[in-house]
């Protein structure tokens, strides 16, 4: 199953604008198909958060990127739920990656 098909199967379905923003990012990064799903989704979130941090204040497009980044982190943990023994490590990794963005 591709990353995009996995995202498309998520219920409840996210709003169209949010789905579209994530889908365009996933399409732009075919290399993510070779990664574990949760890692690909953390990478997507990282890129989206970089976009938010680089945006001008009150940029409405940045709001969509922020929501999409949040959704990608949520999806990463949903993807990892089949391996609960790895959730602590994933949480630590996600926090470290997100914290680095502030530098």
Protein backbone atom coordinates (compact mmCIF):
# COMPACT_ATOMS: atom_id res chain seq x y z
CA UNK A 1 0.00 0.00 0.00
CA UNK A 2 1.42 3.40 -0.92
CA UNK A 3 1.69 6.21 1.59
CA UNK A 4 -1.00 8.16 -0.25
CA UNK A 5 -3.40 5.22 -0.40
CA UNK A 6 -2.87 4.69 3.33
CA UNK A 7 -3.65 8.37 3.96
CA UNK A 8 -6.72 8.16 1.73
CA UNK A 9 -8.06 5.29 3.86
CA UNK A 10 -8.00 7.32 7.11
CA UNK A 11 -11.37 7.84 8.74
CA UNK A 12 -12.94 10.14 9.50
CA UNK A 13 -11.92 11.86 6.31
CA UNK A 14 -10.04 15.13 6.78
CA UNK A 15 -11.28 18.31 5.08
CA UNK A 16 -10.49 18.50 1.37
CA UNK A 17 -8.01 21.39 1.66
CA UNK A 18 -6.03 19.53 4.31
CA UNK A 19 -6.03 16.27 2.34
CA UNK A 20 -4.94 18.14 -0.78
CA UNK A 21 -2.07 19.93 0.96
CA UNK A 22 -0.70 16.67 2.35
CA UNK A 23 -1.25 14.82 -0.94
CA UNK A 24 0.71 17.43 -2.90
CA UNK A 25 3.62 17.15 -0.48
CA UNK A 26 3.59 13.34 -0.60
CA UNK A 27 3.51 13.44 -4.42
CA UNK A 28 6.55 15.73 -4.43
CA UNK A 29 8.56 13.24 -2.36
CA UNK A 30 8.40 9.77 -3.93
CA UNK A 31 11.47 8.78 -1.90
CA UNK A 32 9.21 8.59 1.16
CA UNK A 33 7.74 5.35 -0.21
CA UNK A 34 10.99 3.59 0.76
CA UNK A 35 10.77 4.81 4.37
CA UNK A 36 8.72 3.42 7.23
CA UNK A 37 5.36 5.20 7.05
CA UNK A 38 5.77 6.95 10.40
CA UNK A 39 9.19 8.31 9.38
CA UNK A 40 7.84 9.61 6.09
CA UNK A 41 5.02 11.36 7.92
CA UNK A 42 7.43 12.95 10.40
CA UNK A 43 9.50 14.17 7.45
CA UNK A 44 6.35 15.66 5.92
CA UNK A 45 5.51 17.38 9.18
CA UNK A 46 9.02 18.76 9.43
CA UNK A 47 8.82 20.31 5.96
CA UNK A 48 5.42 21.78 6.68
CA UNK A 49 6.60 23.29 9.95
CA UNK A 50 9.63 24.80 8.21
CA UNK A 51 7.19 26.43 5.82
CA UNK A 52 5.17 27.81 8.74
CA UNK A 53 8.26 29.21 10.44
CA UNK A 54 9.43 30.87 7.22
CA UNK A 55 6.05 32.45 6.46
CA UNK A 56 5.19 36.07 7.02
CA UNK A 57 3.02 36.82 10.04
CA UNK A 58 -0.68 36.44 9.32
CA UNK A 59 -0.02 34.43 6.13
CA UNK A 60 -3.20 32.37 5.71
CA UNK A 61 -1.42 29.71 3.68
CA UNK A 62 0.81 29.12 6.69
CA UNK A 63 -2.29 28.22 8.70
CA UNK A 64 -3.04 25.37 6.30
CA UNK A 65 0.58 24.20 6.48
CA UNK A 66 0.38 24.27 10.30
CA UNK A 67 -2.77 22.15 10.32
CA UNK A 68 -1.30 19.75 7.75
CA UNK A 69 1.90 19.43 9.80
CA UNK A 70 -0.11 18.64 12.90
CA UNK A 71 -2.12 16.07 10.96
CA UNK A 72 1.06 14.41 9.69
CA UNK A 73 2.39 13.99 13.24
CA UNK A 74 -0.96 12.48 14.26
CA UNK A 75 -0.87 10.15 11.25
CA UNK A 76 2.72 9.14 12.12
CA UNK A 77 1.57 7.93 15.52
CA UNK A 78 -1.44 6.22 13.99
CA UNK A 79 0.90 4.42 11.60
CA UNK A 80 3.12 3.38 14.49
CA UNK A 81 0.23 2.07 16.59
CA UNK A 82 0.81 -1.43 15.21
CA UNK A 83 4.19 -1.41 16.99
CA UNK A 84 3.41 -0.05 20.46
CA UNK A 85 6.85 -0.98 21.74
CA UNK A 86 8.29 1.71 19.42
CA UNK A 87 5.95 4.55 20.43
CA UNK A 88 8.22 5.98 23.14
CA UNK A 89 11.18 6.14 20.77
CA UNK A 90 9.02 7.69 18.06
CA UNK A 91 7.74 10.32 20.49
CA UNK A 92 11.28 11.21 21.53
CA UNK A 93 12.40 11.40 17.93
CA UNK A 94 9.43 13.55 16.93
CA UNK A 95 10.05 15.98 19.79
CA UNK A 96 13.74 16.28 18.93
CA UNK A 97 13.05 16.87 15.23
CA UNK A 98 10.39 19.49 15.94
CA UNK A 99 12.56 21.23 18.56
CA UNK A 100 15.43 21.52 16.05
CA UNK A 101 13.18 23.58 13.79
CA UNK A 102 13.30 26.44 16.28
CA UNK A 103 17.07 26.84 15.78
